[in-house]
Amino acid sequence: MNTDPSEVPVHVLTPEEAAPQLRVTPQCVRQQLVAGKLPGFRVGRLWRIPSDQFCAFLRGEWTPPTAAPDDRQPLGRRLFRRQLGRVR
């Protein structure tokens, strides 16, 4: 059996799919994702939640990754452009 990670399917949830399981709104799920309190990642402008990490979160086994304050700076559109020198 080949266990190449590129061939293993990963199931992901959207905030709309995760919200009913948490009994909150999709907007609340997105806020928790942005805050780093829920496991997830962005694909463009959309949030995705790996189902295995979401199940671990529900069981209380998932802990947010710890990062230095400088490592978790939000790069909003304005900040990103400012860093590139595009904002006047």
C-alpha atoms as a PDB file:
ATOM      1  CA  MET A   1       0.000   0.000   0.000  1.00  0.00           C
ATOM      2  CA  ASN A   2       1.386   3.380  -1.012  1.00  0.00           C
ATOM      3  CA  THR A   3       1.103   6.043   1.724  1.00  0.00           C
ATOM      4  CA  ASP A   4       2.412   9.004  -0.236  1.00  0.00           C
ATOM      5  CA  PRO A   5       0.949  12.144   1.454  1.00  0.00           C
ATOM      6  CA  SER A   6       0.125  13.681  -1.919  1.00  0.00           C
ATOM      7  CA  GLU A   7      -2.250  10.776  -2.638  1.00  0.00           C
ATOM      8  CA  VAL A   8      -4.065  10.752   0.718  1.00  0.00           C
ATOM      9  CA  PRO A   9      -7.410  12.559   0.383  1.00  0.00           C
ATOM     10  CA  VAL A  10      -8.027  15.256   2.994  1.00  0.00           C
ATOM     11  CA  HIS A  11     -11.599  16.171   3.808  1.00  0.00           C
ATOM     12  CA  VAL A  12     -12.181  19.811   4.696  1.00  0.00           C
ATOM     13  CA  LEU A  13     -15.185  21.674   6.074  1.00  0.00           C
ATOM     14  CA  THR A  14     -16.397  25.164   5.315  1.00  0.00           C
ATOM     15  CA  PRO A  15     -17.422  27.536   8.133  1.00  0.00           C
ATOM     16  CA  GLU A  16     -21.028  26.947   7.051  1.00  0.00           C
ATOM     17  CA  GLU A  17     -20.612  23.194   7.572  1.00  0.00           C
ATOM     18  CA  ALA A  18     -18.819  23.542  10.917  1.00  0.00           C
ATOM     19  CA  ALA A  19     -21.197  26.137  12.422  1.00  0.00           C
ATOM     20  CA  PRO A  20     -24.172  23.812  13.126  1.00  0.00           C
ATOM     21  CA  GLN A  21     -21.909  21.328  14.917  1.00  0.00           C
ATOM     22  CA  LEU A  22     -20.707  24.139  17.193  1.00  0.00           C
ATOM     23  CA  ARG A  23     -24.202  25.699  17.428  1.00  0.00           C
ATOM     24  CA  VAL A  24     -22.916  29.093  16.322  1.00  0.00           C
ATOM     25  CA  THR A  25     -23.156  31.177  13.153  1.00  0.00           C
ATOM     26  CA  PRO A  26     -20.718  30.822  10.238  1.00  0.00           C
ATOM     27  CA  GLN A  27     -19.530  34.387  11.000  1.00  0.00           C
ATOM     28  CA  CYS A  28     -18.625  33.319  14.538  1.00  0.00           C
ATOM     29  CA  VAL A  29     -16.650  30.370  13.115  1.00  0.00           C
ATOM     30  CA  ARG A  30     -14.748  32.754  10.818  1.00  0.00           C
ATOM     31  CA  GLN A  31     -13.963  35.058  13.746  1.00  0.00           C
ATOM     32  CA  GLN A  32     -12.576  32.119  15.721  1.00  0.00           C
ATOM     33  CA  LEU A  33     -10.505  31.039  12.711  1.00  0.00           C
ATOM     34  CA  VAL A  34      -9.028  34.533  12.354  1.00  0.00           C
ATOM     35  CA  ALA A  35      -8.247  34.601  16.086  1.00  0.00           C
ATOM     36  CA  GLY A  36      -6.491  31.224  15.813  1.00  0.00           C
ATOM     37  CA  LYS A  37      -8.898  29.559  18.239  1.00  0.00           C
ATOM     38  CA  LEU A  38     -10.097  27.052  15.641  1.00  0.00           C
ATOM     39  CA  PRO A  39      -7.883  24.997  13.315  1.00  0.00           C
ATOM     40  CA  GLY A  40      -8.083  26.105   9.707  1.00  0.00           C
ATOM     41  CA  PHE A  41      -6.454  27.760   6.736  1.00  0.00           C
ATOM     42  CA  ARG A  42      -7.350  30.157   3.964  1.00  0.00           C
ATOM     43  CA  VAL A  43      -7.648  29.339   0.294  1.00  0.00           C
ATOM     44  CA  GLY A  44      -7.788  32.748  -1.309  1.00  0.00           C
ATOM     45  CA  ARG A  45     -10.559  34.546   0.581  1.00  0.00           C
ATOM     46  CA  LEU A  46     -12.244  31.354   1.790  1.00  0.00           C
ATOM     47  CA  TRP A  47     -11.647  29.498   5.063  1.00  0.00           C
ATOM     48  CA  ARG A  48     -11.280  25.722   5.182  1.00  0.00           C
ATOM     49  CA  ILE A  49     -11.139  23.495   8.277  1.00  0.00           C
ATOM     50  CA  PRO A  50      -9.443  20.056   8.080  1.00  0.00           C
ATOM     51  CA  SER A  51     -11.996  17.546   9.371  1.00  0.00           C
ATOM     52  CA  ASP A  52      -9.463  15.556  11.408  1.00  0.00           C
ATOM     53  CA  GLN A  53      -8.318  18.693  13.255  1.00  0.00           C
ATOM     54  CA  PHE A  54     -11.929  19.812  13.714  1.00  0.00           C
ATOM     55  CA  CYS A  55     -12.799  16.452  15.298  1.00  0.00           C
ATOM     56  CA  ALA A  56      -9.760  16.799  17.583  1.00  0.00           C
ATOM     57  CA  PHE A  57     -11.005  20.299  18.519  1.00  0.00           C
ATOM     58  CA  LEU A  58     -14.450  18.894  19.389  1.00  0.00           C
ATOM     59  CA  ARG A  59     -12.833  16.212  21.573  1.00  0.00           C
ATOM     60  CA  GLY A  60     -10.730  18.885  23.300  1.00  0.00           C
ATOM     61  CA  GLU A  61      -7.475  17.437  21.955  1.00  0.00           C
ATOM     62  CA  TRP A  62      -6.520  20.346  19.671  1.00  0.00           C
ATOM     63  CA  THR A  63      -4.460  23.197  21.032  1.00  0.00           C
ATOM     64  CA  PRO A  64      -3.682  26.353  19.067  1.00  0.00           C
ATOM     65  CA  PRO A  65      -0.089  26.570  17.863  1.00  0.00           C
ATOM     66  CA  THR A  66       2.034  28.895  19.941  1.00  0.00           C
ATOM     67  CA  ALA A  67       3.879  31.575  18.015  1.00  0.00           C
ATOM     68  CA  ALA A  68       5.886  34.615  18.897  1.00  0.00           C
ATOM     69  CA  PRO A  69       3.849  37.852  18.574  1.00  0.00           C
ATOM     70  CA  ASP A  70       5.870  38.862  15.517  1.00  0.00           C
ATOM     71  CA  ASP A  71       5.048  35.584  13.756  1.00  0.00           C
ATOM     72  CA  ARG A  72       1.279  36.108  13.944  1.00  0.00           C
ATOM     73  CA  GLN A  73       1.020  39.618  12.522  1.00  0.00           C
ATOM     74  CA  PRO A  74      -2.076  39.948  10.371  1.00  0.00           C
ATOM     75  CA  LEU A  75      -1.261  40.963   6.840  1.00  0.00           C
ATOM     76  CA  GLY A  76      -4.355  42.853   5.780  1.00  0.00           C
ATOM     77  CA  ARG A  77      -4.536  44.370   2.345  1.00  0.00           C
ATOM     78  CA  ARG A  78      -3.498  47.847   3.552  1.00  0.00           C
ATOM     79  CA  LEU A  79      -0.595  46.559   5.683  1.00  0.00           C
ATOM     80  CA  PHE A  80       0.586  44.309   2.857  1.00  0.00           C
ATOM     81  CA  ARG A  81       0.552  47.170   0.365  1.00  0.00           C
ATOM     82  CA  ARG A  82       2.277  49.460   2.857  1.00  0.00           C
ATOM     83  CA  GLN A  83       5.079  46.903   3.250  1.00  0.00           C
ATOM     84  CA  LEU A  84       5.476  46.805  -0.497  1.00  0.00           C
ATOM     85  CA  GLY A  85       5.501  50.612  -0.689  1.00  0.00           C
ATOM     86  CA  ARG A  86       2.317  50.819  -2.756  1.00  0.00           C
ATOM     87  CA  VAL A  87       0.211  52.892  -0.377  1.00  0.00           C
ATOM     88  CA  ARG A  88       0.621  56.616  -0.784  1.00  0.00           C
END
